Amino acid sequence: MMKSGVRVPPSATGLLTKSPAEIMRVLVALRDRGEAVSVSMEGGKPPFLSRLLWIDPQMQFIVVGRSGDPAADAALLARPRCVFACALAAWQVEFVAAEPSLLRHGAQEAIRLRYPELMSGHQRRSEKRLAPARDLPLQCLADAGGVMSFDAHVVDISPVGIAMLLYHPGITLEPGTLLRGCIIEHPALGQVSVDMEVRYSEPVRLRDGRRARRAGCRFVDPPAALKALVRRVTGQALEEDG
C-alpha cells in the first residue's frame, strides 16, 4: 500500500510538478487525511467543497464527492477544467483536473475527473499576512504581451518572484500559466518588462473585508533592469523576511 506521508519539497518558489508519481503521493495524503478540496466560483458564489474519494492506481482519473450544493455541482460539471485548492500540513496545494462527469461510486453519486495533469504548492503564511502588510508603490500590468491583460497590485517582490493581489472577480490563474511581457512599474523608478510563471493563486479576504485573489509568480529570465528595480524597492520599502 502506498504511504501517505506529506512529501512537498520546499524551495524559494514552492512546488510545481507534472510528475504523476509526485502528484499521486500528495493526493494519497489528501485522501487519507480527509482534507477538503475546493474550487472557487466566479461572481463571489460559494465554492465547490468536497473530498477525494478515490484515486485510480493507474493514474487515469480521480473521484470526488458531490458538494451537497446542487448549484455548485452544476457549475463544476459545466467546466472543462477545474483548479482544486486544499491545505496539507503547512502547505497550500492546487491541482488541475479536467473533464468532470457524474458517476456512481459505491452507494453514492460522485464526480469523476481526469487524473491531475499539474500540481503546485507553497508554504502557507499566517492569516494576517494575506492582506498587504506594506504599501508598495508598484503596479503590475500582467500578461501585457499575451491574451488576457489585467492590472494587479504588488504585495511582495524579490529577485526571483512576486506576490500580487488581483481584484477582478473574473481573473482565475492556473498554476503553470505563463504571463508574457508583464510590466512592473514604479512611479519614480520607471518600468520593466518580464515574463512570469504562475506558481499559485488563492482567494483571500483583506482587512477591510474585500475579497481578492493572491497570486504568486516566478520570474522567467529576469532582465538586469528588473533586478536593479527590486534592489532599489526592497532597500527603500521592505524589511527582509525572516
C-alpha atoms as a PDB file:
ATOM      1  CA  MET A   1       0.000   0.000   0.000  1.00  0.00           C
ATOM      2  CA  MET A   2       1.324   3.483  -0.837  1.00  0.00           C
ATOM      3  CA  LYS A   3       2.371   5.523   2.175  1.00  0.00           C
ATOM      4  CA  SER A   4       0.611   8.829   2.698  1.00  0.00           C
ATOM      5  CA  GLY A   5       3.349  10.873   4.328  1.00  0.00           C
ATOM      6  CA  VAL A   6       3.498  14.502   3.255  1.00  0.00           C
ATOM      7  CA  ARG A   7       6.310  14.989   0.748  1.00  0.00           C
ATOM      8  CA  VAL A   8       6.186  18.529  -0.591  1.00  0.00           C
ATOM      9  CA  PRO A   9       9.750  19.643  -1.380  1.00  0.00           C
ATOM     10  CA  PRO A  10      10.421  23.198  -0.115  1.00  0.00           C
ATOM     11  CA  SER A  11      12.063  25.782  -2.337  1.00  0.00           C
ATOM     12  CA  ALA A  12      12.133  29.541  -2.778  1.00  0.00           C
ATOM     13  CA  THR A  13       9.173  29.426  -5.119  1.00  0.00           C
ATOM     14  CA  GLY A  14       7.376  26.278  -3.962  1.00  0.00           C
ATOM     15  CA  LEU A  15       6.457  23.108  -5.814  1.00  0.00           C
ATOM     16  CA  LEU A  16       5.313  22.892  -9.412  1.00  0.00           C
ATOM     17  CA  THR A  17       5.184  19.397 -10.882  1.00  0.00           C
ATOM     18  CA  LYS A  18       3.705  17.401 -13.745  1.00  0.00           C
ATOM     19  CA  SER A  19       5.115  14.117 -12.414  1.00  0.00           C
ATOM     20  CA  PRO A  20       2.223  11.623 -11.991  1.00  0.00           C
ATOM     21  CA  ALA A  21       4.111   9.873  -9.168  1.00  0.00           C
ATOM     22  CA  GLU A  22       4.718  13.105  -7.246  1.00  0.00           C
ATOM     23  CA  ILE A  23       1.072  14.100  -7.731  1.00  0.00           C
ATOM     24  CA  MET A  24      -0.046  10.659  -6.522  1.00  0.00           C
ATOM     25  CA  ARG A  25       1.900  10.981  -3.254  1.00  0.00           C
ATOM     26  CA  VAL A  26       0.196  14.259  -2.406  1.00  0.00           C
ATOM     27  CA  LEU A  27      -3.277  13.053  -3.488  1.00  0.00           C
ATOM     28  CA  VAL A  28      -2.962   9.955  -1.300  1.00  0.00           C
ATOM     29  CA  ALA A  29      -2.054  12.142   1.677  1.00  0.00           C
ATOM     30  CA  LEU A  30      -5.064  14.380   0.997  1.00  0.00           C
ATOM     31  CA  ARG A  31      -7.409  11.392   0.721  1.00  0.00           C
ATOM     32  CA  ASP A  32      -6.090   9.558   3.778  1.00  0.00           C
ATOM     33  CA  ARG A  33      -6.271  12.697   5.935  1.00  0.00           C
ATOM     34  CA  GLY A  34      -9.767  13.528   4.701  1.00  0.00           C
ATOM     35  CA  GLU A  35      -8.727  17.040   3.727  1.00  0.00           C
ATOM     36  CA  ALA A  36     -11.301  19.235   1.985  1.00  0.00           C
ATOM     37  CA  VAL A  37     -10.721  20.244  -1.646  1.00  0.00           C
ATOM     38  CA  SER A  38     -12.405  23.304  -3.134  1.00  0.00           C
ATOM     39  CA  VAL A  39     -12.938  25.059  -6.462  1.00  0.00           C
ATOM     40  CA  SER A  40     -13.570  28.815  -6.493  1.00  0.00           C
ATOM     41  CA  MET A  41     -16.647  30.072  -8.350  1.00  0.00           C
ATOM     42  CA  GLU A  42     -16.992  33.341 -10.219  1.00  0.00           C
ATOM     43  CA  GLY A  43     -19.040  36.283  -9.029  1.00  0.00           C
ATOM     44  CA  GLY A  44     -18.478  35.687  -5.320  1.00  0.00           C
ATOM     45  CA  LYS A  45     -20.589  32.500  -5.319  1.00  0.00           C
ATOM     46  CA  PRO A  46     -19.855  29.854  -2.660  1.00  0.00           C
ATOM     47  CA  PRO A  47     -17.072  27.463  -3.719  1.00  0.00           C
ATOM     48  CA  PHE A  48     -17.485  23.815  -4.629  1.00  0.00           C
ATOM     49  CA  LEU A  49     -16.330  21.996  -1.486  1.00  0.00           C
ATOM     50  CA  SER A  50     -15.781  18.241  -1.226  1.00  0.00           C
ATOM     51  CA  ARG A  51     -13.253  15.471  -0.509  1.00  0.00           C
ATOM     52  CA  LEU A  52     -11.294  12.945  -2.540  1.00  0.00           C
ATOM     53  CA  LEU A  53     -12.990   9.550  -2.583  1.00  0.00           C
ATOM     54  CA  TRP A  54     -10.858   7.534  -4.997  1.00  0.00           C
ATOM     55  CA  ILE A  55      -7.553   7.761  -6.852  1.00  0.00           C
ATOM     56  CA  ASP A  56      -7.105   5.421  -9.801  1.00  0.00           C
ATOM     57  CA  PRO A  57      -3.929   3.341  -9.212  1.00  0.00           C
ATOM     58  CA  GLN A  58      -3.318   3.529 -12.981  1.00  0.00           C
ATOM     59  CA  MET A  59      -3.319   7.343 -12.688  1.00  0.00           C
ATOM     60  CA  GLN A  60      -6.090   7.844 -15.243  1.00  0.00           C
ATOM     61  CA  PHE A  61      -8.762   9.535 -13.097  1.00  0.00           C
ATOM     62  CA  ILE A  62      -9.813  10.656  -9.620  1.00  0.00           C
ATOM     63  CA  VAL A  63     -13.229  10.734  -7.920  1.00  0.00           C
ATOM     64  CA  VAL A  64     -14.501  13.457  -5.582  1.00  0.00           C
ATOM     65  CA  GLY A  65     -17.770  13.509  -3.677  1.00  0.00           C
ATOM     66  CA  ARG A  66     -20.649  15.808  -4.550  1.00  0.00           C
ATOM     67  CA  SER A  67     -20.632  19.022  -2.562  1.00  0.00           C
ATOM     68  CA  GLY A  68     -24.196  18.958  -1.262  1.00  0.00           C
ATOM     69  CA  ASP A  69     -24.901  22.200  -3.135  1.00  0.00           C
ATOM     70  CA  PRO A  70     -26.615  21.409  -6.480  1.00  0.00           C
ATOM     71  CA  ALA A  71     -25.697  24.824  -7.913  1.00  0.00           C
ATOM     72  CA  ALA A  72     -22.003  24.361  -7.090  1.00  0.00           C
ATOM     73  CA  ASP A  73     -22.069  20.831  -8.531  1.00  0.00           C
ATOM     74  CA  ALA A  74     -23.674  22.070 -11.750  1.00  0.00           C
ATOM     75  CA  ALA A  75     -21.138  24.902 -12.079  1.00  0.00           C
ATOM     76  CA  LEU A  76     -18.267  22.460 -11.625  1.00  0.00           C
ATOM     77  CA  LEU A  77     -19.676  19.962 -14.131  1.00  0.00           C
ATOM     78  CA  ALA A  78     -20.051  22.734 -16.713  1.00  0.00           C
ATOM     79  CA  ARG A  79     -16.319  23.453 -16.672  1.00  0.00           C
ATOM     80  CA  PRO A  80     -13.863  21.716 -18.987  1.00  0.00           C
ATOM     81  CA  ARG A  81     -11.068  22.109 -16.401  1.00  0.00           C
ATOM     82  CA  CYS A  82     -11.071  22.762 -12.658  1.00  0.00           C
ATOM     83  CA  VAL A  83      -8.429  24.164 -10.308  1.00  0.00           C
ATOM     84  CA  PHE A  84      -8.769  22.449  -6.916  1.00  0.00           C
ATOM     85  CA  ALA A  85      -7.266  24.069  -3.815  1.00  0.00           C
ATOM     86  CA  CYS A  86      -6.605  22.409  -0.469  1.00  0.00           C
ATOM     87  CA  ALA A  87      -4.452  22.635   2.648  1.00  0.00           C
ATOM     88  CA  LEU A  88      -1.962  19.920   3.587  1.00  0.00           C
ATOM     89  CA  ALA A  89       0.093  20.394   6.743  1.00  0.00           C
ATOM     90  CA  ALA A  90       1.837  23.786   6.325  1.00  0.00           C
ATOM     91  CA  TRP A  91       1.274  23.827   2.567  1.00  0.00           C
ATOM     92  CA  GLN A  92      -1.376  25.253   0.265  1.00  0.00           C
ATOM     93  CA  VAL A  93      -1.774  22.865  -2.665  1.00  0.00           C
ATOM     94  CA  GLU A  94      -3.536  23.310  -6.013  1.00  0.00           C
ATOM     95  CA  PHE A  95      -4.062  20.792  -8.788  1.00  0.00           C
ATOM     96  CA  VAL A  96      -5.658  20.964 -12.213  1.00  0.00           C
ATOM     97  CA  ALA A  97      -8.117  18.255 -13.328  1.00  0.00           C
ATOM     98  CA  ALA A  98     -10.278  18.137 -16.465  1.00  0.00           C
ATOM     99  CA  GLU A  99     -13.499  16.634 -17.858  1.00  0.00           C
ATOM    100  CA  PRO A 100     -15.721  16.348 -14.747  1.00  0.00           C
ATOM    101  CA  SER A 101     -18.649  13.940 -15.087  1.00  0.00           C
ATOM    102  CA  LEU A 102     -21.169  12.256 -12.793  1.00  0.00           C
ATOM    103  CA  LEU A 103     -20.846   8.570 -11.874  1.00  0.00           C
ATOM    104  CA  ARG A 104     -21.874   6.134  -9.172  1.00  0.00           C
ATOM    105  CA  HIS A 105     -19.202   5.461  -6.579  1.00  0.00           C
ATOM    106  CA  GLY A 106     -20.406   2.641  -4.402  1.00  0.00           C
ATOM    107  CA  ALA A 107     -23.768   3.686  -2.988  1.00  0.00           C
ATOM    108  CA  GLN A 108     -23.395   7.393  -3.742  1.00  0.00           C
ATOM    109  CA  GLU A 109     -23.287   9.751  -6.668  1.00  0.00           C
ATOM    110  CA  ALA A 110     -19.881  11.310  -7.191  1.00  0.00           C
ATOM    111  CA  ILE A 111     -17.844  13.259  -9.732  1.00  0.00           C
ATOM    112  CA  ARG A 112     -15.077  11.757 -11.807  1.00  0.00           C
ATOM    113  CA  LEU A 113     -12.249  13.823 -13.341  1.00  0.00           C
ATOM    114  CA  ARG A 114      -9.181  13.024 -15.350  1.00  0.00           C
ATOM    115  CA  TYR A 115      -6.049  12.452 -13.282  1.00  0.00           C
ATOM    116  CA  PRO A 116      -4.479  15.838 -12.436  1.00  0.00           C
ATOM    117  CA  GLU A 117      -2.015  16.986 -15.060  1.00  0.00           C
ATOM    118  CA  LEU A 118      -0.383  19.650 -12.900  1.00  0.00           C
ATOM    119  CA  MET A 119       0.100  20.351  -9.187  1.00  0.00           C
ATOM    120  CA  SER A 120       1.571  23.304  -7.321  1.00  0.00           C
ATOM    121  CA  GLY A 121       2.235  24.014  -3.672  1.00  0.00           C
ATOM    122  CA  HIS A 122       3.559  26.793  -1.474  1.00  0.00           C
ATOM    123  CA  GLN A 123       4.027  27.210   2.240  1.00  0.00           C
ATOM    124  CA  ARG A 124       1.089  28.992   3.795  1.00  0.00           C
ATOM    125  CA  ARG A 125       1.553  32.183   5.773  1.00  0.00           C
ATOM    126  CA  SER A 126      -0.401  33.273   8.818  1.00  0.00           C
ATOM    127  CA  GLU A 127      -3.826  34.775   8.114  1.00  0.00           C
ATOM    128  CA  LYS A 128      -2.753  38.356   8.811  1.00  0.00           C
ATOM    129  CA  ARG A 129      -0.131  38.076   6.041  1.00  0.00           C
ATOM    130  CA  LEU A 130      -2.898  37.529   3.467  1.00  0.00           C
ATOM    131  CA  ALA A 131      -3.515  41.268   3.379  1.00  0.00           C
ATOM    132  CA  PRO A 132      -0.703  43.569   2.265  1.00  0.00           C
ATOM    133  CA  ALA A 133       1.407  44.500   5.269  1.00  0.00           C
ATOM    134  CA  ARG A 134       3.328  47.136   3.297  1.00  0.00           C
ATOM    135  CA  ASP A 135       2.107  49.640   0.776  1.00  0.00           C
ATOM    136  CA  LEU A 136       4.481  49.027  -2.118  1.00  0.00           C
ATOM    137  CA  PRO A 137       4.289  51.741  -4.797  1.00  0.00           C
ATOM    138  CA  LEU A 138       4.383  49.076  -7.501  1.00  0.00           C
ATOM    139  CA  GLN A 139       1.729  48.095 -10.013  1.00  0.00           C
ATOM    140  CA  CYS A 140       1.843  45.205 -12.459  1.00  0.00           C
ATOM    141  CA  LEU A 141       0.208  45.043 -15.882  1.00  0.00           C
ATOM    142  CA  ALA A 142       0.166  41.260 -16.174  1.00  0.00           C
ATOM    143  CA  ASP A 143       0.246  39.395 -19.477  1.00  0.00           C
ATOM    144  CA  ALA A 144       0.694  42.635 -21.425  1.00  0.00           C
ATOM    145  CA  GLY A 145       2.235  40.575 -24.238  1.00  0.00           C
ATOM    146  CA  GLY A 146      -0.397  37.823 -24.070  1.00  0.00           C
ATOM    147  CA  VAL A 147      -4.170  37.493 -24.439  1.00  0.00           C
ATOM    148  CA  MET A 148      -5.627  38.389 -21.002  1.00  0.00           C
ATOM    149  CA  SER A 149      -4.027  41.622 -19.841  1.00  0.00           C
ATOM    150  CA  PHE A 150      -5.052  42.766 -16.338  1.00  0.00           C
ATOM    151  CA  ASP A 151      -3.821  45.079 -13.566  1.00  0.00           C
ATOM    152  CA  ALA A 152      -2.593  43.821 -10.204  1.00  0.00           C
ATOM    153  CA  HIS A 153      -1.235  45.401  -7.021  1.00  0.00           C
ATOM    154  CA  VAL A 154       2.194  44.145  -5.955  1.00  0.00           C
ATOM    155  CA  VAL A 155       2.247  42.882  -2.359  1.00  0.00           C
ATOM    156  CA  ASP A 156       5.746  41.449  -2.167  1.00  0.00           C
ATOM    157  CA  ILE A 157       8.716  41.188  -4.517  1.00  0.00           C
ATOM    158  CA  SER A 158      12.131  39.531  -4.563  1.00  0.00           C
ATOM    159  CA  PRO A 159      14.809  38.848  -7.193  1.00  0.00           C
ATOM    160  CA  VAL A 160      13.125  35.522  -8.061  1.00  0.00           C
ATOM    161  CA  GLY A 161       9.424  36.282  -7.940  1.00  0.00           C
ATOM    162  CA  ILE A 162       6.439  38.360  -6.970  1.00  0.00           C
ATOM    163  CA  ALA A 163       3.184  38.150  -4.997  1.00  0.00           C
ATOM    164  CA  MET A 164       0.293  40.295  -6.188  1.00  0.00           C
ATOM    165  CA  LEU A 165      -3.362  40.970  -5.463  1.00  0.00           C
ATOM    166  CA  LEU A 166      -5.990  40.714  -8.197  1.00  0.00           C
ATOM    167  CA  TYR A 167      -9.339  42.390  -7.593  1.00  0.00           C
ATOM    168  CA  HIS A 168     -11.156  41.440 -10.816  1.00  0.00           C
ATOM    169  CA  PRO A 169     -13.549  38.547  -9.986  1.00  0.00           C
ATOM    170  CA  GLY A 170     -13.264  37.091 -13.485  1.00  0.00           C
ATOM    171  CA  ILE A 171      -9.496  36.507 -13.345  1.00  0.00           C
ATOM    172  CA  THR A 172      -8.509  32.958 -12.341  1.00  0.00           C
ATOM    173  CA  LEU A 173      -4.908  31.865 -12.875  1.00  0.00           C
ATOM    174  CA  GLU A 174      -3.959  28.202 -13.135  1.00  0.00           C
ATOM    175  CA  PRO A 175      -0.571  27.102 -11.779  1.00  0.00           C
ATOM    176  CA  GLY A 176       1.869  26.890 -14.666  1.00  0.00           C
ATOM    177  CA  THR A 177       0.253  29.716 -16.655  1.00  0.00           C
ATOM    178  CA  LEU A 178       2.865  31.846 -18.440  1.00  0.00           C
ATOM    179  CA  LEU A 179       2.151  35.578 -18.308  1.00  0.00           C
ATOM    180  CA  ARG A 180       4.074  37.245 -21.119  1.00  0.00           C
ATOM    181  CA  GLY A 181       5.569  40.715 -21.180  1.00  0.00           C
ATOM    182  CA  CYS A 182       4.334  41.747 -17.732  1.00  0.00           C
ATOM    183  CA  ILE A 183       5.092  45.394 -16.958  1.00  0.00           C
ATOM    184  CA  ILE A 184       6.114  46.220 -13.383  1.00  0.00           C
ATOM    185  CA  GLU A 185       6.028  49.957 -12.766  1.00  0.00           C
ATOM    186  CA  HIS A 186       7.304  52.238 -10.001  1.00  0.00           C
ATOM    187  CA  PRO A 187       6.134  55.888 -10.152  1.00  0.00           C
ATOM    188  CA  ALA A 188       9.664  57.210  -9.614  1.00  0.00           C
ATOM    189  CA  LEU A 189      11.911  54.394 -10.858  1.00  0.00           C
ATOM    190  CA  GLY A 190      10.128  53.647 -14.141  1.00  0.00           C
ATOM    191  CA  GLN A 191       9.005  50.304 -15.556  1.00  0.00           C
ATOM    192  CA  VAL A 192      10.481  46.996 -16.647  1.00  0.00           C
ATOM    193  CA  SER A 193       9.076  44.052 -18.604  1.00  0.00           C
ATOM    194  CA  VAL A 194       9.409  40.379 -17.654  1.00  0.00           C
ATOM    195  CA  ASP A 195       7.668  37.049 -18.279  1.00  0.00           C
ATOM    196  CA  MET A 196       6.209  35.361 -15.189  1.00  0.00           C
ATOM    197  CA  GLU A 197       5.056  31.821 -14.423  1.00  0.00           C
ATOM    198  CA  VAL A 198       2.125  31.402 -12.009  1.00  0.00           C
ATOM    199  CA  ARG A 199       3.003  29.183  -9.044  1.00  0.00           C
ATOM    200  CA  TYR A 200      -0.222  29.536  -7.046  1.00  0.00           C
ATOM    201  CA  SER A 201      -3.441  31.548  -6.892  1.00  0.00           C
ATOM    202  CA  GLU A 202      -5.717  31.597  -3.852  1.00  0.00           C
ATOM    203  CA  PRO A 203      -8.742  33.583  -2.630  1.00  0.00           C
ATOM    204  CA  VAL A 204      -8.103  35.954   0.300  1.00  0.00           C
ATOM    205  CA  ARG A 205     -10.142  38.355   2.426  1.00  0.00           C
ATOM    206  CA  LEU A 206      -8.494  41.728   3.008  1.00  0.00           C
ATOM    207  CA  ARG A 207      -8.502  43.638   6.271  1.00  0.00           C
ATOM    208  CA  ASP A 208     -11.227  45.948   5.001  1.00  0.00           C
ATOM    209  CA  GLY A 209     -13.482  42.957   4.230  1.00  0.00           C
ATOM    210  CA  ARG A 210     -12.993  42.959   0.464  1.00  0.00           C
ATOM    211  CA  ARG A 211     -12.276  39.727  -1.373  1.00  0.00           C
ATOM    212  CA  ALA A 212      -9.440  39.299  -3.838  1.00  0.00           C
ATOM    213  CA  ARG A 213      -7.034  36.689  -5.163  1.00  0.00           C
ATOM    214  CA  ARG A 214      -3.400  36.487  -4.193  1.00  0.00           C
ATOM    215  CA  ALA A 215      -1.147  35.081  -6.891  1.00  0.00           C
ATOM    216  CA  GLY A 216       2.491  34.109  -6.586  1.00  0.00           C
ATOM    217  CA  CYS A 217       4.676  34.082  -9.697  1.00  0.00           C
ATOM    218  CA  ARG A 218       8.232  33.164 -10.614  1.00  0.00           C
ATOM    219  CA  PHE A 219      10.194  35.492 -12.874  1.00  0.00           C
ATOM    220  CA  VAL A 220      11.335  33.825 -16.097  1.00  0.00           C
ATOM    221  CA  ASP A 221      14.842  35.006 -17.075  1.00  0.00           C
ATOM    222  CA  PRO A 222      14.500  38.384 -15.304  1.00  0.00           C
ATOM    223  CA  PRO A 223      16.452  41.180 -17.015  1.00  0.00           C
ATOM    224  CA  ALA A 224      19.146  43.176 -15.227  1.00  0.00           C
ATOM    225  CA  ALA A 225      16.808  46.188 -15.115  1.00  0.00           C
ATOM    226  CA  LEU A 226      14.283  44.213 -13.043  1.00  0.00           C
ATOM    227  CA  LYS A 227      16.925  43.030 -10.613  1.00  0.00           C
ATOM    228  CA  ALA A 228      18.067  46.635 -10.187  1.00  0.00           C
ATOM    229  CA  LEU A 229      14.485  47.771  -9.570  1.00  0.00           C
ATOM    230  CA  VAL A 230      13.991  45.044  -6.956  1.00  0.00           C
ATOM    231  CA  ARG A 231      17.168  46.085  -5.153  1.00  0.00           C
ATOM    232  CA  ARG A 232      16.029  49.710  -5.086  1.00  0.00           C
ATOM    233  CA  VAL A 233      12.497  48.893  -3.918  1.00  0.00           C
ATOM    234  CA  THR A 234      13.438  46.360  -1.279  1.00  0.00           C
ATOM    235  CA  GLY A 235      16.124  48.638   0.055  1.00  0.00           C
ATOM    236  CA  GLN A 236      13.647  51.524   0.383  1.00  0.00           C
ATOM    237  CA  ALA A 237      10.377  49.888   1.347  1.00  0.00           C
ATOM    238  CA  LEU A 238      10.851  46.331   2.565  1.00  0.00           C
ATOM    239  CA  GLU A 239      12.341  44.695   5.580  1.00  0.00           C
ATOM    240  CA  GLU A 240      13.905  41.325   4.884  1.00  0.00           C
ATOM    241  CA  ASP A 241      11.564  38.463   5.673  1.00  0.00           C
ATOM    242  CA  GLY A 242      12.655  36.185   8.467  1.00  0.00           C
END
